[in-house]
Amino acid sequence: MFTLAEIKSSLHQQIANTDDKKILKKVQDYIRTQTGNTKKTVAYDAELNPLTIEQYRAEVKKSLAQYKKGKVISQDKMEKSI
C-alpha cells in the first residue's frame, strides 16, 4: 500500500514527464471535478478547455447568432483550409 506522499510523488513525476496537452487537461479537469473546484464538465472547447453546461450553452447561442448573420463557410472550404 502506498503512502499519501508516495502517491503524490508518483503523480507529480507522471505529470512532469507528460507533454501531451490533451492528457494534462483531462487530469486537471478530473481533479477539479473531484475536489469540487469546478462545476461538472459537459464538453470541451477547441483548445480542450472544459466547459460547464452554462458555458456550453453560451457557445451554442453565440454560434447560432453567427449562423443567422451568415457568418458561415462550406465544409469544402473548411477542409481545404486545414
PDB file of N, CA and C in Angstrom:
ATOM      1  N   MET A   1       0.845  -1.177   0.000  1.00  0.00           N
ATOM      2  CA  MET A   1       0.000   0.000   0.000  1.00  0.00           C
ATOM      3  C   MET A   1       0.890   1.239   0.000  1.00  0.00           C
ATOM      4  N   PHE A   2       0.547   2.181  -0.829  1.00  0.00           N
ATOM      5  CA  PHE A   2       1.344   3.396  -0.943  1.00  0.00           C
ATOM      6  C   PHE A   2       0.911   4.439   0.077  1.00  0.00           C
ATOM      7  N   THR A   3       1.873   5.208   0.533  1.00  0.00           N
ATOM      8  CA  THR A   3       1.552   6.319   1.429  1.00  0.00           C
ATOM      9  C   THR A   3       1.059   7.488   0.589  1.00  0.00           C
ATOM     10  N   LEU A   4       0.439   8.438   1.221  1.00  0.00           N
ATOM     11  CA  LEU A   4      -0.044   9.624   0.524  1.00  0.00           C
ATOM     12  C   LEU A   4       1.115  10.343  -0.167  1.00  0.00           C
ATOM     13  N   ALA A   5       2.238  10.447   0.515  1.00  0.00           N
ATOM     14  CA  ALA A   5       3.412  11.108  -0.066  1.00  0.00           C
ATOM     15  C   ALA A   5       3.918  10.369  -1.306  1.00  0.00           C
ATOM     16  N   GLU A   6       3.887   9.037  -1.279  1.00  0.00           N
ATOM     17  CA  GLU A   6       4.331   8.250  -2.431  1.00  0.00           C
ATOM     18  C   GLU A   6       3.397   8.437  -3.624  1.00  0.00           C
ATOM     19  N   ILE A   7       2.107   8.473  -3.352  1.00  0.00           N
ATOM     20  CA  ILE A   7       1.135   8.680  -4.437  1.00  0.00           C
ATOM     21  C   ILE A   7       1.327  10.059  -5.060  1.00  0.00           C
ATOM     22  N   LYS A   8       1.473  11.081  -4.222  1.00  0.00           N
ATOM     23  CA  LYS A   8       1.673  12.440  -4.729  1.00  0.00           C
ATOM     24  C   LYS A   8       2.959  12.523  -5.540  1.00  0.00           C
ATOM     25  N   SER A   9       4.006  11.898  -5.056  1.00  0.00           N
ATOM     26  CA  SER A   9       5.285  11.914  -5.760  1.00  0.00           C
ATOM     27  C   SER A   9       5.164  11.233  -7.115  1.00  0.00           C
ATOM     28  N   SER A  10       4.494  10.102  -7.149  1.00  0.00           N
ATOM     29  CA  SER A  10       4.310   9.370  -8.396  1.00  0.00           C
ATOM     30  C   SER A  10       3.492  10.195  -9.395  1.00  0.00           C
ATOM     31  N   LEU A  11       2.415  10.790  -8.928  1.00  0.00           N
ATOM     32  CA  LEU A  11       1.584  11.628  -9.807  1.00  0.00           C
ATOM     33  C   LEU A  11       2.388  12.821 -10.330  1.00  0.00           C
ATOM     34  N   HIS A  12       3.141  13.431  -9.443  1.00  0.00           N
ATOM     35  CA  HIS A  12       3.954  14.577  -9.855  1.00  0.00           C
ATOM     36  C   HIS A  12       4.924  14.174 -10.961  1.00  0.00           C
ATOM     37  N   GLN A  13       5.579  13.043 -10.805  1.00  0.00           N
ATOM     38  CA  GLN A  13       6.530  12.565 -11.816  1.00  0.00           C
ATOM     39  C   GLN A  13       5.835  12.304 -13.144  1.00  0.00           C
ATOM     40  N   GLN A  14       4.683  11.647 -13.086  1.00  0.00           N
ATOM     41  CA  GLN A  14       3.954  11.329 -14.313  1.00  0.00           C
ATOM     42  C   GLN A  14       3.510  12.601 -15.031  1.00  0.00           C
ATOM     43  N   ILE A  15       3.033  13.571 -14.273  1.00  0.00           N
ATOM     44  CA  ILE A  15       2.596  14.839 -14.866  1.00  0.00           C
ATOM     45  C   ILE A  15       3.788  15.590 -15.441  1.00  0.00           C
ATOM     46  N   ALA A  16       4.872  15.644 -14.698  1.00  0.00           N
ATOM     47  CA  ALA A  16       6.073  16.353 -15.165  1.00  0.00           C
ATOM     48  C   ALA A  16       6.642  15.728 -16.435  1.00  0.00           C
ATOM     49  N   ASN A  17       6.472  14.430 -16.610  1.00  0.00           N
ATOM     50  CA  ASN A  17       7.013  13.732 -17.776  1.00  0.00           C
ATOM     51  C   ASN A  17       6.042  13.665 -18.951  1.00  0.00           C
ATOM     52  N   THR A  18       4.869  14.258 -18.809  1.00  0.00           N
ATOM     53  CA  THR A  18       3.866  14.227 -19.866  1.00  0.00           C
ATOM     54  C   THR A  18       3.840  15.562 -20.605  1.00  0.00           C
ATOM     55  N   ASP A  19       3.993  15.504 -21.912  1.00  0.00           N
ATOM     56  CA  ASP A  19       3.931  16.700 -22.741  1.00  0.00           C
ATOM     57  C   ASP A  19       2.649  16.755 -23.571  1.00  0.00           C
ATOM     58  N   ASP A  20       1.763  15.799 -23.354  1.00  0.00           N
ATOM     59  CA  ASP A  20       0.510  15.739 -24.101  1.00  0.00           C
ATOM     60  C   ASP A  20      -0.521  16.650 -23.425  1.00  0.00           C
ATOM     61  N   LYS A  21      -0.821  17.767 -24.087  1.00  0.00           N
ATOM     62  CA  LYS A  21      -1.735  18.760 -23.522  1.00  0.00           C
ATOM     63  C   LYS A  21      -3.120  18.167 -23.272  1.00  0.00           C
ATOM     64  N   LYS A  22      -3.569  17.304 -24.148  1.00  0.00           N
ATOM     65  CA  LYS A  22      -4.892  16.696 -24.013  1.00  0.00           C
ATOM     66  C   LYS A  22      -4.984  15.877 -22.722  1.00  0.00           C
ATOM     67  N   ILE A  23      -3.970  15.097 -22.459  1.00  0.00           N
ATOM     68  CA  ILE A  23      -3.953  14.285 -21.236  1.00  0.00           C
ATOM     69  C   ILE A  23      -3.905  15.184 -20.008  1.00  0.00           C
ATOM     70  N   LEU A  24      -3.049  16.196 -20.043  1.00  0.00           N
ATOM     71  CA  LEU A  24      -2.919  17.094 -18.896  1.00  0.00           C
ATOM     72  C   LEU A  24      -4.210  17.842 -18.606  1.00  0.00           C
ATOM     73  N   LYS A  25      -4.921  18.276 -19.654  1.00  0.00           N
ATOM     74  CA  LYS A  25      -6.203  18.963 -19.465  1.00  0.00           C
ATOM     75  C   LYS A  25      -7.216  18.016 -18.821  1.00  0.00           C
ATOM     76  N   LYS A  26      -7.232  16.756 -19.258  1.00  0.00           N
ATOM     77  CA  LYS A  26      -8.170  15.789 -18.689  1.00  0.00           C
ATOM     78  C   LYS A  26      -7.866  15.529 -17.216  1.00  0.00           C
ATOM     79  N   VAL A  27      -6.585  15.411 -16.881  1.00  0.00           N
ATOM     80  CA  VAL A  27      -6.196  15.198 -15.487  1.00  0.00           C
ATOM     81  C   VAL A  27      -6.602  16.417 -14.655  1.00  0.00           C
ATOM     82  N   GLN A  28      -6.323  17.591 -15.168  1.00  0.00           N
ATOM     83  CA  GLN A  28      -6.673  18.824 -14.459  1.00  0.00           C
ATOM     84  C   GLN A  28      -8.182  18.913 -14.235  1.00  0.00           C
ATOM     85  N   ASP A  29      -8.939  18.630 -15.274  1.00  0.00           N
ATOM     86  CA  ASP A  29     -10.391  18.685 -15.168  1.00  0.00           C
ATOM     87  C   ASP A  29     -10.904  17.652 -14.170  1.00  0.00           C
ATOM     88  N   TYR A  30     -10.354  16.454 -14.218  1.00  0.00           N
ATOM     89  CA  TYR A  30     -10.780  15.403 -13.295  1.00  0.00           C
ATOM     90  C   TYR A  30     -10.534  15.815 -11.839  1.00  0.00           C
ATOM     91  N   ILE A  31      -9.352  16.333 -11.576  1.00  0.00           N
ATOM     92  CA  ILE A  31      -9.026  16.740 -10.204  1.00  0.00           C
ATOM     93  C   ILE A  31      -9.937  17.876  -9.755  1.00  0.00           C
ATOM     94  N   ARG A  32     -10.167  18.851 -10.622  1.00  0.00           N
ATOM     95  CA  ARG A  32     -11.065  19.960 -10.270  1.00  0.00           C
ATOM     96  C   ARG A  32     -12.473  19.455  -9.971  1.00  0.00           C
ATOM     97  N   THR A  33     -12.949  18.542 -10.797  1.00  0.00           N
ATOM     98  CA  THR A  33     -14.293  17.999 -10.610  1.00  0.00           C
ATOM     99  C   THR A  33     -14.389  17.229  -9.297  1.00  0.00           C
ATOM    100  N   GLN A  34     -13.408  16.393  -9.019  1.00  0.00           N
ATOM    101  CA  GLN A  34     -13.427  15.561  -7.818  1.00  0.00           C
ATOM    102  C   GLN A  34     -13.277  16.365  -6.533  1.00  0.00           C
ATOM    103  N   THR A  35     -12.595  17.493  -6.606  1.00  0.00           N
ATOM    104  CA  THR A  35     -12.373  18.299  -5.405  1.00  0.00           C
ATOM    105  C   THR A  35     -13.416  19.399  -5.251  1.00  0.00           C
ATOM    106  N   GLY A  36     -14.354  19.468  -6.186  1.00  0.00           N
ATOM    107  CA  GLY A  36     -15.414  20.461  -6.093  1.00  0.00           C
ATOM    108  C   GLY A  36     -14.981  21.855  -6.497  1.00  0.00           C
ATOM    109  N   ASN A  37     -13.858  21.974  -7.202  1.00  0.00           N
ATOM    110  CA  ASN A  37     -13.365  23.282  -7.604  1.00  0.00           C
ATOM    111  C   ASN A  37     -13.969  23.784  -8.905  1.00  0.00           C
ATOM    112  N   THR A  38     -14.858  23.032  -9.472  1.00  0.00           N
ATOM    113  CA  THR A  38     -15.499  23.458 -10.710  1.00  0.00           C
ATOM    114  C   THR A  38     -16.839  22.741 -10.840  1.00  0.00           C
ATOM    115  N   LYS A  39     -17.675  23.274 -11.675  1.00  0.00           N
ATOM    116  CA  LYS A  39     -18.929  22.588 -11.968  1.00  0.00           C
ATOM    117  C   LYS A  39     -18.648  21.440 -12.922  1.00  0.00           C
ATOM    118  N   LYS A  40     -19.592  20.570 -13.074  1.00  0.00           N
ATOM    119  CA  LYS A  40     -19.418  19.398 -13.918  1.00  0.00           C
ATOM    120  C   LYS A  40     -19.126  19.791 -15.368  1.00  0.00           C
ATOM    121  N   THR A  41     -18.142  19.148 -15.943  1.00  0.00           N
ATOM    122  CA  THR A  41     -17.770  19.374 -17.333  1.00  0.00           C
ATOM    123  C   THR A  41     -18.698  18.570 -18.230  1.00  0.00           C
ATOM    124  N   VAL A  42     -19.245  19.255 -19.239  1.00  0.00           N
ATOM    125  CA  VAL A  42     -20.130  18.568 -20.185  1.00  0.00           C
ATOM    126  C   VAL A  42     -19.550  18.527 -21.591  1.00  0.00           C
ATOM    127  N   ALA A  43     -18.510  19.336 -21.837  1.00  0.00           N
ATOM    128  CA  ALA A  43     -17.900  19.386 -23.161  1.00  0.00           C
ATOM    129  C   ALA A  43     -16.534  20.058 -23.041  1.00  0.00           C
ATOM    130  N   TYR A  44     -15.828  20.105 -24.175  1.00  0.00           N
ATOM    131  CA  TYR A  44     -14.539  20.789 -24.242  1.00  0.00           C
ATOM    132  C   TYR A  44     -14.537  21.708 -25.452  1.00  0.00           C
ATOM    133  N   ASP A  45     -13.848  22.846 -25.346  1.00  0.00           N
ATOM    134  CA  ASP A  45     -13.749  23.736 -26.490  1.00  0.00           C
ATOM    135  C   ASP A  45     -12.611  23.282 -27.402  1.00  0.00           C
ATOM    136  N   ALA A  46     -12.335  24.056 -28.439  1.00  0.00           N
ATOM    137  CA  ALA A  46     -11.326  23.674 -29.422  1.00  0.00           C
ATOM    138  C   ALA A  46      -9.924  23.570 -28.833  1.00  0.00           C
ATOM    139  N   GLU A  47      -9.672  24.281 -27.740  1.00  0.00           N
ATOM    140  CA  GLU A  47      -8.362  24.219 -27.079  1.00  0.00           C
ATOM    141  C   GLU A  47      -8.348  23.217 -25.930  1.00  0.00           C
ATOM    142  N   LEU A  48      -9.390  22.383 -25.848  1.00  0.00           N
ATOM    143  CA  LEU A  48      -9.541  21.340 -24.830  1.00  0.00           C
ATOM    144  C   LEU A  48      -9.790  21.876 -23.420  1.00  0.00           C
ATOM    145  N   ASN A  49     -10.296  23.101 -23.328  1.00  0.00           N
ATOM    146  CA  ASN A  49     -10.687  23.632 -22.033  1.00  0.00           C
ATOM    147  C   ASN A  49     -12.058  23.075 -21.671  1.00  0.00           C
ATOM    148  N   PRO A  50     -12.246  22.649 -20.430  1.00  0.00           N
ATOM    149  CA  PRO A  50     -13.550  22.098 -20.047  1.00  0.00           C
ATOM    150  C   PRO A  50     -14.625  23.173 -20.025  1.00  0.00           C
ATOM    151  N   LEU A  51     -15.838  22.789 -20.397  1.00  0.00           N
ATOM    152  CA  LEU A  51     -16.972  23.707 -20.397  1.00  0.00           C
ATOM    153  C   LEU A  51     -18.072  23.170 -19.487  1.00  0.00           C
ATOM    154  N   THR A  52     -18.631  24.050 -18.673  1.00  0.00           N
ATOM    155  CA  THR A  52     -19.804  23.691 -17.886  1.00  0.00           C
ATOM    156  C   THR A  52     -21.013  23.786 -18.809  1.00  0.00           C
ATOM    157  N   ILE A  53     -22.155  23.346 -18.351  1.00  0.00           N
ATOM    158  CA  ILE A  53     -23.363  23.418 -19.182  1.00  0.00           C
ATOM    159  C   ILE A  53     -23.686  24.863 -19.543  1.00  0.00           C
ATOM    160  N   GLU A  54     -23.446  25.784 -18.607  1.00  0.00           N
ATOM    161  CA  GLU A  54     -23.720  27.200 -18.875  1.00  0.00           C
ATOM    162  C   GLU A  54     -22.789  27.734 -19.963  1.00  0.00           C
ATOM    163  N   GLN A  55     -21.512  27.374 -19.886  1.00  0.00           N
ATOM    164  CA  GLN A  55     -20.554  27.814 -20.895  1.00  0.00           C
ATOM    165  C   GLN A  55     -20.863  27.190 -22.250  1.00  0.00           C
ATOM    166  N   TYR A  56     -21.244  25.921 -22.230  1.00  0.00           N
ATOM    167  CA  TYR A  56     -21.578  25.224 -23.470  1.00  0.00           C
ATOM    168  C   TYR A  56     -22.777  25.878 -24.150  1.00  0.00           C
ATOM    169  N   ARG A  57     -23.797  26.165 -23.383  1.00  0.00           N
ATOM    170  CA  ARG A  57     -24.988  26.816 -23.946  1.00  0.00           C
ATOM    171  C   ARG A  57     -24.666  28.192 -24.498  1.00  0.00           C
ATOM    172  N   ALA A  58     -23.784  28.920 -23.825  1.00  0.00           N
ATOM    173  CA  ALA A  58     -23.378  30.239 -24.315  1.00  0.00           C
ATOM    174  C   ALA A  58     -22.658  30.119 -25.655  1.00  0.00           C
ATOM    175  N   GLU A  59     -21.814  29.098 -25.793  1.00  0.00           N
ATOM    176  CA  GLU A  59     -21.112  28.873 -27.062  1.00  0.00           C
ATOM    177  C   GLU A  59     -22.090  28.516 -28.183  1.00  0.00           C
ATOM    178  N   VAL A  60     -23.076  27.699 -27.868  1.00  0.00           N
ATOM    179  CA  VAL A  60     -24.084  27.333 -28.865  1.00  0.00           C
ATOM    180  C   VAL A  60     -24.875  28.562 -29.284  1.00  0.00           C
ATOM    181  N   LYS A  61     -25.270  29.373 -28.309  1.00  0.00           N
ATOM    182  CA  LYS A  61     -26.029  30.594 -28.593  1.00  0.00           C
ATOM    183  C   LYS A  61     -25.217  31.534 -29.489  1.00  0.00           C
ATOM    184  N   LYS A  62     -23.933  31.677 -29.183  1.00  0.00           N
ATOM    185  CA  LYS A  62     -23.033  32.514 -29.981  1.00  0.00           C
ATOM    186  C   LYS A  62     -22.923  31.974 -31.405  1.00  0.00           C
ATOM    187  N   SER A  63     -22.796  30.659 -31.535  1.00  0.00           N
ATOM    188  CA  SER A  63     -22.690  30.034 -32.856  1.00  0.00           C
ATOM    189  C   SER A  63     -23.959  30.229 -33.678  1.00  0.00           C
ATOM    190  N   LEU A  64     -25.101  30.084 -33.033  1.00  0.00           N
ATOM    191  CA  LEU A  64     -26.371  30.281 -33.744  1.00  0.00           C
ATOM    192  C   LEU A  64     -26.518  31.728 -34.221  1.00  0.00           C
ATOM    193  N   ALA A  65     -26.070  32.664 -33.405  1.00  0.00           N
ATOM    194  CA  ALA A  65     -26.124  34.075 -33.800  1.00  0.00           C
ATOM    195  C   ALA A  65     -25.230  34.325 -35.009  1.00  0.00           C
ATOM    196  N   GLN A  66     -24.051  33.723 -35.028  1.00  0.00           N
ATOM    197  CA  GLN A  66     -23.152  33.858 -36.181  1.00  0.00           C
ATOM    198  C   GLN A  66     -23.789  33.251 -37.428  1.00  0.00           C
ATOM    199  N   TYR A  67     -24.430  32.117 -37.262  1.00  0.00           N
ATOM    200  CA  TYR A  67     -25.097  31.448 -38.386  1.00  0.00           C
ATOM    201  C   TYR A  67     -26.201  32.332 -38.960  1.00  0.00           C
ATOM    202  N   LYS A  68     -26.999  32.910 -38.077  1.00  0.00           N
ATOM    203  CA  LYS A  68     -28.101  33.771 -38.524  1.00  0.00           C
ATOM    204  C   LYS A  68     -27.596  35.014 -39.252  1.00  0.00           C
ATOM    205  N   LYS A  69     -26.397  35.467 -38.926  1.00  0.00           N
ATOM    206  CA  LYS A  69     -25.794  36.626 -39.583  1.00  0.00           C
ATOM    207  C   LYS A  69     -25.082  36.235 -40.871  1.00  0.00           C
ATOM    208  N   GLY A  70     -25.095  34.949 -41.185  1.00  0.00           N
ATOM    209  CA  GLY A  70     -24.464  34.477 -42.408  1.00  0.00           C
ATOM    210  C   GLY A  70     -22.968  34.260 -42.297  1.00  0.00           C
ATOM    211  N   LYS A  71     -22.462  34.259 -41.102  1.00  0.00           N
ATOM    212  CA  LYS A  71     -21.022  34.051 -40.894  1.00  0.00           C
ATOM    213  C   LYS A  71     -20.722  32.554 -40.872  1.00  0.00           C
ATOM    214  N   VAL A  72     -20.771  31.945 -42.058  1.00  0.00           N
ATOM    215  CA  VAL A  72     -20.527  30.511 -42.201  1.00  0.00           C
ATOM    216  C   VAL A  72     -19.640  30.269 -43.411  1.00  0.00           C
ATOM    217  N   ILE A  73     -19.006  29.094 -43.440  1.00  0.00           N
ATOM    218  CA  ILE A  73     -18.269  28.659 -44.623  1.00  0.00           C
ATOM    219  C   ILE A  73     -18.668  27.217 -44.904  1.00  0.00           C
ATOM    220  N   SER A  74     -18.489  26.824 -46.137  1.00  0.00           N
ATOM    221  CA  SER A  74     -18.856  25.458 -46.511  1.00  0.00           C
ATOM    222  C   SER A  74     -17.859  24.463 -45.930  1.00  0.00           C
ATOM    223  N   GLN A  75     -18.277  23.225 -45.855  1.00  0.00           N
ATOM    224  CA  GLN A  75     -17.386  22.180 -45.361  1.00  0.00           C
ATOM    225  C   GLN A  75     -16.199  22.021 -46.305  1.00  0.00           C
ATOM    226  N   ASP A  76     -16.448  22.131 -47.614  1.00  0.00           N
ATOM    227  CA  ASP A  76     -15.356  22.019 -48.584  1.00  0.00           C
ATOM    228  C   ASP A  76     -14.274  23.069 -48.334  1.00  0.00           C
ATOM    229  N   LYS A  77     -14.700  24.318 -48.100  1.00  0.00           N
ATOM    230  CA  LYS A  77     -13.722  25.372 -47.817  1.00  0.00           C
ATOM    231  C   LYS A  77     -12.982  25.113 -46.524  1.00  0.00           C
ATOM    232  N   MET A  78     -13.689  24.614 -45.542  1.00  0.00           N
ATOM    233  CA  MET A  78     -13.064  24.306 -44.250  1.00  0.00           C
ATOM    234  C   MET A  78     -12.012  23.218 -44.417  1.00  0.00           C
ATOM    235  N   GLU A  79     -12.362  22.162 -45.133  1.00  0.00           N
ATOM    236  CA  GLU A  79     -11.434  21.056 -45.335  1.00  0.00           C
ATOM    237  C   GLU A  79     -10.199  21.497 -46.131  1.00  0.00           C
ATOM    238  N   LYS A  80     -10.386  22.405 -47.062  1.00  0.00           N
ATOM    239  CA  LYS A  80      -9.252  22.890 -47.849  1.00  0.00           C
ATOM    240  C   LYS A  80      -8.338  23.791 -47.021  1.00  0.00           C
ATOM    241  N   SER A  81      -8.895  24.434 -46.011  1.00  0.00           N
ATOM    242  CA  SER A  81      -8.081  25.348 -45.196  1.00  0.00           C
ATOM    243  C   SER A  81      -7.263  24.611 -44.150  1.00  0.00           C
ATOM    244  N   ILE A  82      -7.579  23.347 -43.935  1.00  0.00           N
ATOM    245  CA  ILE A  82      -6.865  22.582 -42.917  1.00  0.00           C
ATOM    246  C   ILE A  82      -5.623  21.952 -43.493  1.00  0.00           C
TER     247      ILE A  82
END
